[in-house]
C-alpha cells in the first residue's frame, strides 16, 4: 500500500482544524443574548479570539498525540533517542506567529474600544484656576476644589479640564447629547438611579429602546462595578471619581444589573435590573413616576442599605430557602 504524502496529510489536517475552529468560534453559545448596540462589537472580537484559541488548541494537542503515538518506546527498545540540536526556521515560525496574532488582536481590540466610545472621555467641566500662595483653587460648577500648583508665578492664571472616565459616545454620536441621562449611585449593597429630568428616584433602571442613554456613575463608599451582561458593558463606580457609561439598548426586555467588584460581605446580593421599554411605553412610565413622586407617593423598588440591617433582618426573607430555623437566625451576631 502506497503511503500518503506528508504534504497531503498536512493539508487535510489544516482543513479540518480550520473548519472545526471556525464552527466553534461562531457557535460556542457562551454569551447571553445581545441587547445593546455595543454587544455585537464585543461578541465579534470574542468570536475571533475563540476561533484562534480553538485552532491553536487543536494544533498543539494534535501534535502531542501524534508524537506520543509515532515516537512511543517500542518493546525491547532501550536505546537513546536521536539527538536534536534545534531548528532555527522552526523557532522563527513559532515566535513570529504568536507575535502577529497578539499584535493583530491588540489592534482589533483598540478599534472595538474606540467604536464603543472608550476613547471619548467627556469634559465634566472647565476648571478655571487662580493662584493663592503657590497652590491653585479651581472652581468646578460653582464649587471650589484644590487643583494643585499651576504656576510659580503668583499672577499666573491656568485652567484644567476635569474628565469623566468610562465609555462615552460612539464616534458617530459624539457630537450629540444623550437622549436620556441618569445618575447612578453605588452603595453597600444597592444601586440608586436618579433621573435629573423629572427628579425621579428608583432602585431599578428604566430606559427606552433605540435611544442614547448616559449613566453618570458614582460610589458612596467603596468601589463597585456596574455590569449588564446582555449589554456587554461594565463600568466601575469609584469613590471620589465619577465615571460614565453611554449605550443604546436595542432589545426590549428585563435584564440583570450585577455588581462585578467585590464590595463587602453582601456583595453577591447587590443586584437589580434594567428594564428596556419601547419608546412609547417608557414615556408613559416616566409620566407616571413624575406624577407619583410629585404627590409624595413612595416609589417602589428602592432598596434599603444592608449596612443598616442586622444579619437576622437581612436573612429573614430568605430563611425558608436557606432552611434556617428562627432560633438559628436569632443567634446570629
C-alpha atoms as a PDB file:
ATOM      1  CA  UNK A   1       0.000   0.000   0.000  1.00  0.00           C
ATOM      2  CA  UNK A   2       1.398   3.342  -1.033  1.00  0.00           C
ATOM      3  CA  UNK A   3       1.969   5.763   1.862  1.00  0.00           C
ATOM      4  CA  UNK A   4       0.068   9.089   1.789  1.00  0.00           C
ATOM      5  CA  UNK A   5       2.485  12.007   1.357  1.00  0.00           C
ATOM      6  CA  UNK A   6       3.072  14.166   4.430  1.00  0.00           C
ATOM      7  CA  UNK A   7       2.072  17.269   2.470  1.00  0.00           C
ATOM      8  CA  UNK A   8      -1.375  15.786   1.761  1.00  0.00           C
ATOM      9  CA  UNK A   9      -1.850  14.780   5.412  1.00  0.00           C
ATOM     10  CA  UNK A  10      -0.826  18.284   6.487  1.00  0.00           C
ATOM     11  CA  UNK A  11      -3.336  19.820   4.059  1.00  0.00           C
ATOM     12  CA  UNK A  12      -6.152  17.573   5.315  1.00  0.00           C
ATOM     13  CA  UNK A  13      -5.292  18.352   8.932  1.00  0.00           C
ATOM     14  CA  UNK A  14      -5.208  22.087   8.141  1.00  0.00           C
ATOM     15  CA  UNK A  15      -8.631  21.953   6.523  1.00  0.00           C
ATOM     16  CA  UNK A  16     -10.114  20.038   9.472  1.00  0.00           C
ATOM     17  CA  UNK A  17      -8.612  22.437  12.023  1.00  0.00           C
ATOM     18  CA  UNK A  18      -9.894  25.450  10.076  1.00  0.00           C
ATOM     19  CA  UNK A  19     -13.430  24.092   9.706  1.00  0.00           C
ATOM     20  CA  UNK A  20     -13.707  22.993  13.344  1.00  0.00           C
ATOM     21  CA  UNK A  21     -12.259  26.214  14.791  1.00  0.00           C
ATOM     22  CA  UNK A  22     -14.491  28.412  12.592  1.00  0.00           C
ATOM     23  CA  UNK A  23     -17.580  26.436  13.587  1.00  0.00           C
ATOM     24  CA  UNK A  24     -16.778  26.548  17.311  1.00  0.00           C
ATOM     25  CA  UNK A  25     -15.867  30.239  17.083  1.00  0.00           C
ATOM     26  CA  UNK A  26     -19.276  31.088  15.656  1.00  0.00           C
ATOM     27  CA  UNK A  27     -21.388  28.607  17.644  1.00  0.00           C
ATOM     28  CA  UNK A  28     -19.879  28.449  21.136  1.00  0.00           C
ATOM     29  CA  UNK A  29     -23.053  29.739  22.812  1.00  0.00           C
ATOM     30  CA  UNK A  30     -21.163  31.168  25.786  1.00  0.00           C
ATOM     31  CA  UNK A  31     -22.816  34.596  25.816  1.00  0.00           C
ATOM     32  CA  UNK A  32     -26.362  35.639  26.728  1.00  0.00           C
ATOM     33  CA  UNK A  33     -28.494  37.473  24.186  1.00  0.00           C
ATOM     34  CA  UNK A  34     -27.341  40.765  22.705  1.00  0.00           C
ATOM     35  CA  UNK A  35     -29.345  43.763  23.915  1.00  0.00           C
ATOM     36  CA  UNK A  36     -27.221  46.831  23.115  1.00  0.00           C
ATOM     37  CA  UNK A  37     -25.544  48.428  20.130  1.00  0.00           C
ATOM     38  CA  UNK A  38     -22.150  47.708  21.731  1.00  0.00           C
ATOM     39  CA  UNK A  39     -22.791  43.981  22.232  1.00  0.00           C
ATOM     40  CA  UNK A  40     -22.079  42.839  18.621  1.00  0.00           C
ATOM     41  CA  UNK A  41     -18.702  44.602  18.693  1.00  0.00           C
ATOM     42  CA  UNK A  42     -17.640  42.698  21.809  1.00  0.00           C
ATOM     43  CA  UNK A  43     -19.056  39.415  20.542  1.00  0.00           C
ATOM     44  CA  UNK A  44     -17.286  39.665  17.189  1.00  0.00           C
ATOM     45  CA  UNK A  45     -13.955  40.233  18.928  1.00  0.00           C
ATOM     46  CA  UNK A  46     -14.598  37.303  21.250  1.00  0.00           C
ATOM     47  CA  UNK A  47     -15.566  35.063  18.311  1.00  0.00           C
ATOM     48  CA  UNK A  48     -12.259  35.839  16.589  1.00  0.00           C
ATOM     49  CA  UNK A  49     -10.334  35.075  19.781  1.00  0.00           C
ATOM     50  CA  UNK A  50     -12.292  31.850  20.289  1.00  0.00           C
ATOM     51  CA  UNK A  51     -11.596  30.747  16.700  1.00  0.00           C
ATOM     52  CA  UNK A  52      -7.862  31.335  17.107  1.00  0.00           C
ATOM     53  CA  UNK A  53      -7.823  29.631  20.511  1.00  0.00           C
ATOM     54  CA  UNK A  54      -9.587  26.525  19.218  1.00  0.00           C
ATOM     55  CA  UNK A  55      -7.225  26.312  16.223  1.00  0.00           C
ATOM     56  CA  UNK A  56      -4.155  26.575  18.479  1.00  0.00           C
ATOM     57  CA  UNK A  57      -5.603  24.029  20.904  1.00  0.00           C
ATOM     58  CA  UNK A  58      -6.250  21.506  18.126  1.00  0.00           C
ATOM     59  CA  UNK A  59      -2.796  22.009  16.605  1.00  0.00           C
ATOM     60  CA  UNK A  60      -0.954  21.686  19.919  1.00  0.00           C
ATOM     61  CA  UNK A  61      -2.978  18.756  21.254  1.00  0.00           C
ATOM     62  CA  UNK A  62      -2.910  17.052  17.868  1.00  0.00           C
ATOM     63  CA  UNK A  63       0.888  17.365  17.718  1.00  0.00           C
ATOM     64  CA  UNK A  64       1.209  15.970  21.244  1.00  0.00           C
ATOM     65  CA  UNK A  65      -0.972  12.959  20.424  1.00  0.00           C
ATOM     66  CA  UNK A  66       0.849  12.373  17.127  1.00  0.00           C
ATOM     67  CA  UNK A  67       4.274  12.353  18.767  1.00  0.00           C
ATOM     68  CA  UNK A  68       3.039  10.165  21.635  1.00  0.00           C
ATOM     69  CA  UNK A  69       1.960   7.533  19.125  1.00  0.00           C
ATOM     70  CA  UNK A  70       4.667   7.820  16.474  1.00  0.00           C
ATOM     71  CA  UNK A  71       7.645   8.114  18.811  1.00  0.00           C
ATOM     72  CA  UNK A  72       6.497   5.916  21.679  1.00  0.00           C
ATOM     73  CA  UNK A  73       9.015   3.484  23.096  1.00  0.00           C
ATOM     74  CA  UNK A  74       8.697   0.103  21.445  1.00  0.00           C
ATOM     75  CA  UNK A  75       9.042  -3.118  23.367  1.00  0.00           C
ATOM     76  CA  UNK A  76      12.700  -4.080  23.786  1.00  0.00           C
ATOM     77  CA  UNK A  77      13.960  -0.690  22.519  1.00  0.00           C
ATOM     78  CA  UNK A  78      16.195   0.766  25.260  1.00  0.00           C
ATOM     79  CA  UNK A  79      18.353   2.958  23.023  1.00  0.00           C
ATOM     80  CA  UNK A  80      18.598   6.714  23.398  1.00  0.00           C
ATOM     81  CA  UNK A  81      16.565   8.912  21.089  1.00  0.00           C
ATOM     82  CA  UNK A  82      18.063  10.702  18.113  1.00  0.00           C
ATOM     83  CA  UNK A  83      19.942  13.862  19.172  1.00  0.00           C
ATOM     84  CA  UNK A  84      18.364  17.203  18.239  1.00  0.00           C
ATOM     85  CA  UNK A  85      20.252  20.494  18.193  1.00  0.00           C
ATOM     86  CA  UNK A  86      17.361  22.816  17.363  1.00  0.00           C
ATOM     87  CA  UNK A  87      15.833  24.225  14.225  1.00  0.00           C
ATOM     88  CA  UNK A  88      16.243  27.955  13.571  1.00  0.00           C
ATOM     89  CA  UNK A  89      13.460  28.103  10.968  1.00  0.00           C
ATOM     90  CA  UNK A  90      11.012  26.397  13.304  1.00  0.00           C
ATOM     91  CA  UNK A  91      11.903  28.721  16.171  1.00  0.00           C
ATOM     92  CA  UNK A  92      11.373  31.771  13.945  1.00  0.00           C
ATOM     93  CA  UNK A  93       7.975  30.454  12.852  1.00  0.00           C
ATOM     94  CA  UNK A  94       6.689  29.682  16.340  1.00  0.00           C
ATOM     95  CA  UNK A  95       7.851  33.088  17.555  1.00  0.00           C
ATOM     96  CA  UNK A  96       6.533  35.078  14.597  1.00  0.00           C
ATOM     97  CA  UNK A  97       3.050  33.528  14.510  1.00  0.00           C
ATOM     98  CA  UNK A  98       2.140  34.385  18.153  1.00  0.00           C
ATOM     99  CA  UNK A  99       3.638  37.852  17.723  1.00  0.00           C
ATOM    100  CA  UNK A 100       1.483  38.535  14.659  1.00  0.00           C
ATOM    101  CA  UNK A 101      -1.622  37.165  16.405  1.00  0.00           C
ATOM    102  CA  UNK A 102      -1.097  39.242  19.543  1.00  0.00           C
ATOM    103  CA  UNK A 103      -0.411  42.456  17.597  1.00  0.00           C
ATOM    104  CA  UNK A 104      -3.411  41.835  15.331  1.00  0.00           C
ATOM    105  CA  UNK A 105      -5.756  41.179  18.251  1.00  0.00           C
ATOM    106  CA  UNK A 106      -4.394  44.241  20.037  1.00  0.00           C
ATOM    107  CA  UNK A 107      -5.137  46.495  17.065  1.00  0.00           C
ATOM    108  CA  UNK A 108      -8.590  44.949  16.631  1.00  0.00           C
ATOM    109  CA  UNK A 109      -9.439  45.386  20.325  1.00  0.00           C
ATOM    110  CA  UNK A 110      -8.393  49.045  20.226  1.00  0.00           C
ATOM    111  CA  UNK A 111     -10.693  49.560  17.232  1.00  0.00           C
ATOM    112  CA  UNK A 112     -13.561  47.900  19.095  1.00  0.00           C
ATOM    113  CA  UNK A 113     -12.934  50.006  22.207  1.00  0.00           C
ATOM    114  CA  UNK A 114     -12.889  53.143  20.079  1.00  0.00           C
ATOM    115  CA  UNK A 115     -16.129  52.199  18.295  1.00  0.00           C
ATOM    116  CA  UNK A 116     -17.780  51.635  21.677  1.00  0.00           C
ATOM    117  CA  UNK A 117     -16.808  55.143  22.791  1.00  0.00           C
ATOM    118  CA  UNK A 118     -13.923  54.195  25.058  1.00  0.00           C
ATOM    119  CA  UNK A 119     -11.682  56.932  23.667  1.00  0.00           C
ATOM    120  CA  UNK A 120     -14.245  59.692  24.035  1.00  0.00           C
ATOM    121  CA  UNK A 121     -13.896  60.961  27.628  1.00  0.00           C
ATOM    122  CA  UNK A 122     -16.377  63.665  28.421  1.00  0.00           C
ATOM    123  CA  UNK A 123     -15.313  67.071  29.735  1.00  0.00           C
ATOM    124  CA  UNK A 124     -17.103  67.176  33.054  1.00  0.00           C
ATOM    125  CA  UNK A 125     -16.393  70.887  33.375  1.00  0.00           C
ATOM    126  CA  UNK A 126     -13.816  73.549  32.729  1.00  0.00           C
ATOM    127  CA  UNK A 127     -11.775  74.250  35.836  1.00  0.00           C
ATOM    128  CA  UNK A 128     -10.660  77.883  35.966  1.00  0.00           C
ATOM    129  CA  UNK A 129      -7.786  78.108  38.383  1.00  0.00           C
ATOM    130  CA  UNK A 130      -6.225  81.072  40.122  1.00  0.00           C
ATOM    131  CA  UNK A 131      -3.136  81.049  42.292  1.00  0.00           C
ATOM    132  CA  UNK A 132      -3.166  81.514  46.049  1.00  0.00           C
ATOM    133  CA  UNK A 133       0.290  81.258  47.567  1.00  0.00           C
ATOM    134  CA  UNK A 134       1.627  78.645  45.183  1.00  0.00           C
ATOM    135  CA  UNK A 135      -1.480  76.442  45.022  1.00  0.00           C
ATOM    136  CA  UNK A 136      -4.364  76.778  42.662  1.00  0.00           C
ATOM    137  CA  UNK A 137      -8.004  76.820  43.636  1.00  0.00           C
ATOM    138  CA  UNK A 138     -10.268  75.568  40.877  1.00  0.00           C
ATOM    139  CA  UNK A 139     -13.975  76.293  40.746  1.00  0.00           C
ATOM    140  CA  UNK A 140     -15.917  73.377  39.320  1.00  0.00           C
ATOM    141  CA  UNK A 141     -19.593  74.006  38.614  1.00  0.00           C
ATOM    142  CA  UNK A 142     -19.561  76.715  41.263  1.00  0.00           C
ATOM    143  CA  UNK A 143     -17.815  74.594  43.918  1.00  0.00           C
ATOM    144  CA  UNK A 144     -14.186  75.251  44.921  1.00  0.00           C
ATOM    145  CA  UNK A 145     -11.734  72.370  44.651  1.00  0.00           C
ATOM    146  CA  UNK A 146      -7.974  72.159  45.095  1.00  0.00           C
ATOM    147  CA  UNK A 147      -6.465  71.528  41.664  1.00  0.00           C
ATOM    148  CA  UNK A 148      -2.762  71.588  42.568  1.00  0.00           C
ATOM    149  CA  UNK A 149       0.007  74.025  41.706  1.00  0.00           C
ATOM    150  CA  UNK A 150      -0.469  75.553  38.277  1.00  0.00           C
ATOM    151  CA  UNK A 151       2.396  78.022  38.171  1.00  0.00           C
ATOM    152  CA  UNK A 152       5.163  79.559  40.244  1.00  0.00           C
ATOM    153  CA  UNK A 153       4.035  82.978  39.066  1.00  0.00           C
ATOM    154  CA  UNK A 154       1.600  84.391  41.664  1.00  0.00           C
ATOM    155  CA  UNK A 155      -0.114  86.389  38.915  1.00  0.00           C
ATOM    156  CA  UNK A 156      -0.423  83.449  36.542  1.00  0.00           C
ATOM    157  CA  UNK A 157      -3.794  82.008  35.651  1.00  0.00           C
ATOM    158  CA  UNK A 158      -4.353  78.496  34.470  1.00  0.00           C
ATOM    159  CA  UNK A 159      -7.111  76.173  33.561  1.00  0.00           C
ATOM    160  CA  UNK A 160      -7.644  72.470  33.735  1.00  0.00           C
ATOM    161  CA  UNK A 161     -10.270  70.203  32.287  1.00  0.00           C
ATOM    162  CA  UNK A 162     -11.931  67.708  34.595  1.00  0.00           C
ATOM    163  CA  UNK A 163     -12.547  64.459  32.748  1.00  0.00           C
ATOM    164  CA  UNK A 164     -15.149  61.833  33.360  1.00  0.00           C
ATOM    165  CA  UNK A 165     -13.742  58.424  32.518  1.00  0.00           C
ATOM    166  CA  UNK A 166     -15.561  55.456  31.076  1.00  0.00           C
ATOM    167  CA  UNK A 167     -17.422  54.543  27.892  1.00  0.00           C
ATOM    168  CA  UNK A 168     -18.619  57.703  26.177  1.00  0.00           C
ATOM    169  CA  UNK A 169     -20.417  58.398  22.920  1.00  0.00           C
ATOM    170  CA  UNK A 170     -19.526  56.414  19.828  1.00  0.00           C
ATOM    171  CA  UNK A 171     -17.729  58.328  17.061  1.00  0.00           C
ATOM    172  CA  UNK A 172     -20.991  58.560  15.108  1.00  0.00           C
ATOM    173  CA  UNK A 173     -22.873  60.131  18.045  1.00  0.00           C
ATOM    174  CA  UNK A 174     -20.044  62.068  19.667  1.00  0.00           C
ATOM    175  CA  UNK A 175     -21.443  65.478  18.723  1.00  0.00           C
ATOM    176  CA  UNK A 176     -24.937  64.687  20.006  1.00  0.00           C
ATOM    177  CA  UNK A 177     -26.075  64.858  23.634  1.00  0.00           C
ATOM    178  CA  UNK A 178     -27.640  61.777  25.145  1.00  0.00           C
ATOM    179  CA  UNK A 179     -31.402  61.383  24.869  1.00  0.00           C
ATOM    180  CA  UNK A 180     -31.629  60.264  28.492  1.00  0.00           C
ATOM    181  CA  UNK A 181     -29.270  60.959  31.372  1.00  0.00           C
ATOM    182  CA  UNK A 182     -29.405  59.025  34.636  1.00  0.00           C
ATOM    183  CA  UNK A 183     -27.292  59.439  37.765  1.00  0.00           C
ATOM    184  CA  UNK A 184     -26.280  56.095  39.250  1.00  0.00           C
ATOM    185  CA  UNK A 185     -25.067  55.807  42.845  1.00  0.00           C
ATOM    186  CA  UNK A 186     -23.498  52.578  44.098  1.00  0.00           C
ATOM    187  CA  UNK A 187     -23.650  51.850  47.811  1.00  0.00           C
ATOM    188  CA  UNK A 188     -23.363  48.829  50.059  1.00  0.00           C
ATOM    189  CA  UNK A 189     -25.345  46.992  48.752  1.00  0.00           C
ATOM    190  CA  UNK A 190     -27.659  48.663  46.280  1.00  0.00           C
ATOM    191  CA  UNK A 191     -27.894  50.791  43.155  1.00  0.00           C
ATOM    192  CA  UNK A 192     -29.893  54.018  43.262  1.00  0.00           C
ATOM    193  CA  UNK A 193     -30.966  55.643  39.978  1.00  0.00           C
ATOM    194  CA  UNK A 194     -31.882  59.333  39.814  1.00  0.00           C
ATOM    195  CA  UNK A 195     -33.395  60.909  36.713  1.00  0.00           C
ATOM    196  CA  UNK A 196     -32.429  64.612  36.636  1.00  0.00           C
ATOM    197  CA  UNK A 197     -35.091  65.434  34.036  1.00  0.00           C
ATOM    198  CA  UNK A 198     -38.049  64.559  36.216  1.00  0.00           C
ATOM    199  CA  UNK A 199     -36.416  64.230  39.629  1.00  0.00           C
ATOM    200  CA  UNK A 200     -37.388  60.568  39.799  1.00  0.00           C
ATOM    201  CA  UNK A 201     -35.574  58.135  42.070  1.00  0.00           C
ATOM    202  CA  UNK A 202     -35.736  54.376  41.615  1.00  0.00           C
ATOM    203  CA  UNK A 203     -33.994  51.162  42.588  1.00  0.00           C
ATOM    204  CA  UNK A 204     -34.381  49.902  39.014  1.00  0.00           C
ATOM    205  CA  UNK A 205     -33.053  51.356  35.794  1.00  0.00           C
ATOM    206  CA  UNK A 206     -35.684  52.081  33.134  1.00  0.00           C
ATOM    207  CA  UNK A 207     -34.536  53.097  29.649  1.00  0.00           C
ATOM    208  CA  UNK A 208     -36.160  53.384  26.212  1.00  0.00           C
ATOM    209  CA  UNK A 209     -35.067  51.188  23.332  1.00  0.00           C
ATOM    210  CA  UNK A 210     -33.120  52.788  20.492  1.00  0.00           C
ATOM    211  CA  UNK A 211     -32.148  55.986  22.347  1.00  0.00           C
ATOM    212  CA  UNK A 212     -28.778  57.185  23.601  1.00  0.00           C
ATOM    213  CA  UNK A 213     -28.595  56.691  27.377  1.00  0.00           C
ATOM    214  CA  UNK A 214     -25.829  58.153  29.532  1.00  0.00           C
ATOM    215  CA  UNK A 215     -25.204  56.907  33.057  1.00  0.00           C
ATOM    216  CA  UNK A 216     -23.236  59.153  35.407  1.00  0.00           C
ATOM    217  CA  UNK A 217     -21.866  56.663  37.904  1.00  0.00           C
ATOM    218  CA  UNK A 218     -20.570  57.379  41.416  1.00  0.00           C
ATOM    219  CA  UNK A 219     -19.877  55.411  44.593  1.00  0.00           C
ATOM    220  CA  UNK A 220     -20.876  56.413  48.107  1.00  0.00           C
ATOM    221  CA  UNK A 221     -18.484  54.139  49.998  1.00  0.00           C
ATOM    222  CA  UNK A 222     -16.246  51.575  48.249  1.00  0.00           C
ATOM    223  CA  UNK A 223     -15.538  50.563  44.665  1.00  0.00           C
ATOM    224  CA  UNK A 224     -18.451  48.886  42.900  1.00  0.00           C
ATOM    225  CA  UNK A 225     -18.823  47.781  39.281  1.00  0.00           C
ATOM    226  CA  UNK A 226     -21.970  48.317  37.217  1.00  0.00           C
ATOM    227  CA  UNK A 227     -22.358  45.367  34.842  1.00  0.00           C
ATOM    228  CA  UNK A 228     -25.154  44.361  32.469  1.00  0.00           C
ATOM    229  CA  UNK A 229     -24.093  41.077  30.786  1.00  0.00           C
ATOM    230  CA  UNK A 230     -26.617  41.406  27.945  1.00  0.00           C
ATOM    231  CA  UNK A 231     -25.204  44.847  27.094  1.00  0.00           C
ATOM    232  CA  UNK A 232     -21.578  43.577  27.274  1.00  0.00           C
ATOM    233  CA  UNK A 233     -20.814  46.737  29.256  1.00  0.00           C
ATOM    234  CA  UNK A 234     -19.168  47.130  32.630  1.00  0.00           C
ATOM    235  CA  UNK A 235     -18.024  50.289  34.408  1.00  0.00           C
ATOM    236  CA  UNK A 236     -16.515  50.768  37.857  1.00  0.00           C
ATOM    237  CA  UNK A 237     -18.120  53.098  40.371  1.00  0.00           C
ATOM    238  CA  UNK A 238     -15.197  54.785  42.143  1.00  0.00           C
ATOM    239  CA  UNK A 239     -15.419  56.887  45.334  1.00  0.00           C
ATOM    240  CA  UNK A 240     -14.392  60.455  44.587  1.00  0.00           C
ATOM    241  CA  UNK A 241     -14.148  59.940  40.808  1.00  0.00           C
ATOM    242  CA  UNK A 242     -17.282  59.986  38.688  1.00  0.00           C
ATOM    243  CA  UNK A 243     -17.366  57.643  35.721  1.00  0.00           C
ATOM    244  CA  UNK A 244     -19.621  57.419  32.701  1.00  0.00           C
ATOM    245  CA  UNK A 245     -21.329  54.718  30.686  1.00  0.00           C
ATOM    246  CA  UNK A 246     -23.151  55.513  27.460  1.00  0.00           C
ATOM    247  CA  UNK A 247     -25.086  52.956  25.439  1.00  0.00           C
ATOM    248  CA  UNK A 248     -28.052  52.284  23.185  1.00  0.00           C
ATOM    249  CA  UNK A 249     -30.371  49.428  24.177  1.00  0.00           C
ATOM    250  CA  UNK A 250     -31.581  47.533  21.112  1.00  0.00           C
ATOM    251  CA  UNK A 251     -33.997  44.957  22.513  1.00  0.00           C
ATOM    252  CA  UNK A 252     -36.872  45.490  24.961  1.00  0.00           C
ATOM    253  CA  UNK A 253     -36.672  43.232  27.964  1.00  0.00           C
ATOM    254  CA  UNK A 254     -35.755  42.775  31.608  1.00  0.00           C
ATOM    255  CA  UNK A 255     -32.019  42.326  32.207  1.00  0.00           C
ATOM    256  CA  UNK A 256     -29.972  41.862  35.409  1.00  0.00           C
ATOM    257  CA  UNK A 257     -27.635  44.512  36.773  1.00  0.00           C
ATOM    258  CA  UNK A 258     -24.784  42.908  38.698  1.00  0.00           C
ATOM    259  CA  UNK A 259     -22.038  44.383  40.846  1.00  0.00           C
ATOM    260  CA  UNK A 260     -18.870  42.809  39.443  1.00  0.00           C
ATOM    261  CA  UNK A 261     -16.461  44.168  42.066  1.00  0.00           C
ATOM    262  CA  UNK A 262     -16.140  42.540  45.500  1.00  0.00           C
ATOM    263  CA  UNK A 263     -17.518  45.274  47.737  1.00  0.00           C
ATOM    264  CA  UNK A 264     -18.216  43.618  51.073  1.00  0.00           C
ATOM    265  CA  UNK A 265     -19.919  40.775  52.868  1.00  0.00           C
ATOM    266  CA  UNK A 266     -23.197  41.014  50.952  1.00  0.00           C
ATOM    267  CA  UNK A 267     -21.613  41.730  47.565  1.00  0.00           C
ATOM    268  CA  UNK A 268     -23.472  38.798  45.998  1.00  0.00           C
ATOM    269  CA  UNK A 269     -26.824  40.384  46.837  1.00  0.00           C
ATOM    270  CA  UNK A 270     -26.037  43.710  45.151  1.00  0.00           C
ATOM    271  CA  UNK A 271     -28.282  43.146  42.185  1.00  0.00           C
ATOM    272  CA  UNK A 272     -31.105  44.960  40.475  1.00  0.00           C
ATOM    273  CA  UNK A 273     -32.375  45.106  36.899  1.00  0.00           C
ATOM    274  CA  UNK A 274     -32.581  47.317  33.857  1.00  0.00           C
ATOM    275  CA  UNK A 275     -35.925  47.344  32.095  1.00  0.00           C
ATOM    276  CA  UNK A 276     -35.786  48.339  28.435  1.00  0.00           C
ATOM    277  CA  UNK A 277     -39.128  49.742  27.241  1.00  0.00           C
ATOM    278  CA  UNK A 278     -40.492  50.568  23.848  1.00  0.00           C
ATOM    279  CA  UNK A 279     -40.289  54.347  23.365  1.00  0.00           C
ATOM    280  CA  UNK A 280     -43.999  54.993  23.968  1.00  0.00           C
ATOM    281  CA  UNK A 281     -44.060  52.660  26.967  1.00  0.00           C
ATOM    282  CA  UNK A 282     -41.071  54.439  28.508  1.00  0.00           C
ATOM    283  CA  UNK A 283     -42.690  57.877  28.055  1.00  0.00           C
ATOM    284  CA  UNK A 284     -45.778  56.560  29.827  1.00  0.00           C
ATOM    285  CA  UNK A 285     -43.680  55.098  32.690  1.00  0.00           C
ATOM    286  CA  UNK A 286     -41.815  58.398  33.050  1.00  0.00           C
ATOM    287  CA  UNK A 287     -45.033  60.415  33.234  1.00  0.00           C
ATOM    288  CA  UNK A 288     -46.469  58.031  35.851  1.00  0.00           C
ATOM    289  CA  UNK A 289     -43.340  58.222  38.013  1.00  0.00           C
ATOM    290  CA  UNK A 290     -43.248  62.025  37.864  1.00  0.00           C
ATOM    291  CA  UNK A 291     -46.897  62.141  38.917  1.00  0.00           C
ATOM    292  CA  UNK A 292     -46.327  59.644  41.752  1.00  0.00           C
ATOM    293  CA  UNK A 293     -43.341  61.475  43.195  1.00  0.00           C
ATOM    294  CA  UNK A 294     -44.884  64.901  42.795  1.00  0.00           C
ATOM    295  CA  UNK A 295     -47.679  63.977  45.236  1.00  0.00           C
ATOM    296  CA  UNK A 296     -45.291  62.348  47.700  1.00  0.00           C
ATOM    297  CA  UNK A 297     -46.082  58.735  46.858  1.00  0.00           C
ATOM    298  CA  UNK A 298     -43.405  56.205  47.679  1.00  0.00           C
ATOM    299  CA  UNK A 299     -41.656  54.779  44.643  1.00  0.00           C
ATOM    300  CA  UNK A 300     -41.255  51.028  44.713  1.00  0.00           C
ATOM    301  CA  UNK A 301     -38.042  49.091  44.262  1.00  0.00           C
ATOM    302  CA  UNK A 302     -35.726  51.425  46.221  1.00  0.00           C
ATOM    303  CA  UNK A 303     -33.607  49.011  48.283  1.00  0.00           C
ATOM    304  CA  UNK A 304     -32.678  49.564  51.902  1.00  0.00           C
ATOM    305  CA  UNK A 305     -28.889  49.702  52.514  1.00  0.00           C
ATOM    306  CA  UNK A 306     -27.948  46.455  54.198  1.00  0.00           C
ATOM    307  CA  UNK A 307     -25.310  48.229  56.273  1.00  0.00           C
ATOM    308  CA  UNK A 308     -28.205  49.459  58.420  1.00  0.00           C
ATOM    309  CA  UNK A 309     -29.589  45.929  58.864  1.00  0.00           C
ATOM    310  CA  UNK A 310     -28.584  43.203  61.258  1.00  0.00           C
ATOM    311  CA  UNK A 311     -27.764  39.745  59.843  1.00  0.00           C
ATOM    312  CA  UNK A 312     -31.089  38.481  61.206  1.00  0.00           C
ATOM    313  CA  UNK A 313     -33.055  41.254  59.472  1.00  0.00           C
ATOM    314  CA  UNK A 314     -31.191  40.739  56.227  1.00  0.00           C
ATOM    315  CA  UNK A 315     -31.537  36.953  56.114  1.00  0.00           C
ATOM    316  CA  UNK A 316     -35.101  36.621  57.407  1.00  0.00           C
ATOM    317  CA  UNK A 317     -36.781  36.892  53.945  1.00  0.00           C
ATOM    318  CA  UNK A 318     -34.538  34.055  52.753  1.00  0.00           C
ATOM    319  CA  UNK A 319     -34.799  31.811  55.811  1.00  0.00           C
ATOM    320  CA  UNK A 320     -37.123  29.334  54.111  1.00  0.00           C
ATOM    321  CA  UNK A 321     -34.901  28.962  51.036  1.00  0.00           C
ATOM    322  CA  UNK A 322     -31.819  28.599  53.266  1.00  0.00           C
ATOM    323  CA  UNK A 323     -33.574  26.130  55.595  1.00  0.00           C
ATOM    324  CA  UNK A 324     -32.719  28.300  58.600  1.00  0.00           C
ATOM    325  CA  UNK A 325     -34.829  27.879  61.716  1.00  0.00           C
ATOM    326  CA  UNK A 326     -35.961  31.085  63.508  1.00  0.00           C
ATOM    327  CA  UNK A 327     -33.839  30.204  66.542  1.00  0.00           C
ATOM    328  CA  UNK A 328     -30.757  29.976  64.304  1.00  0.00           C
ATOM    329  CA  UNK A 329     -31.426  33.435  62.907  1.00  0.00           C
ATOM    330  CA  UNK A 330     -31.948  34.809  66.407  1.00  0.00           C
ATOM    331  CA  UNK A 331     -28.479  33.617  67.460  1.00  0.00           C
ATOM    332  CA  UNK A 332     -26.653  35.322  64.594  1.00  0.00           C
ATOM    333  CA  UNK A 333     -24.293  38.094  65.651  1.00  0.00           C
END
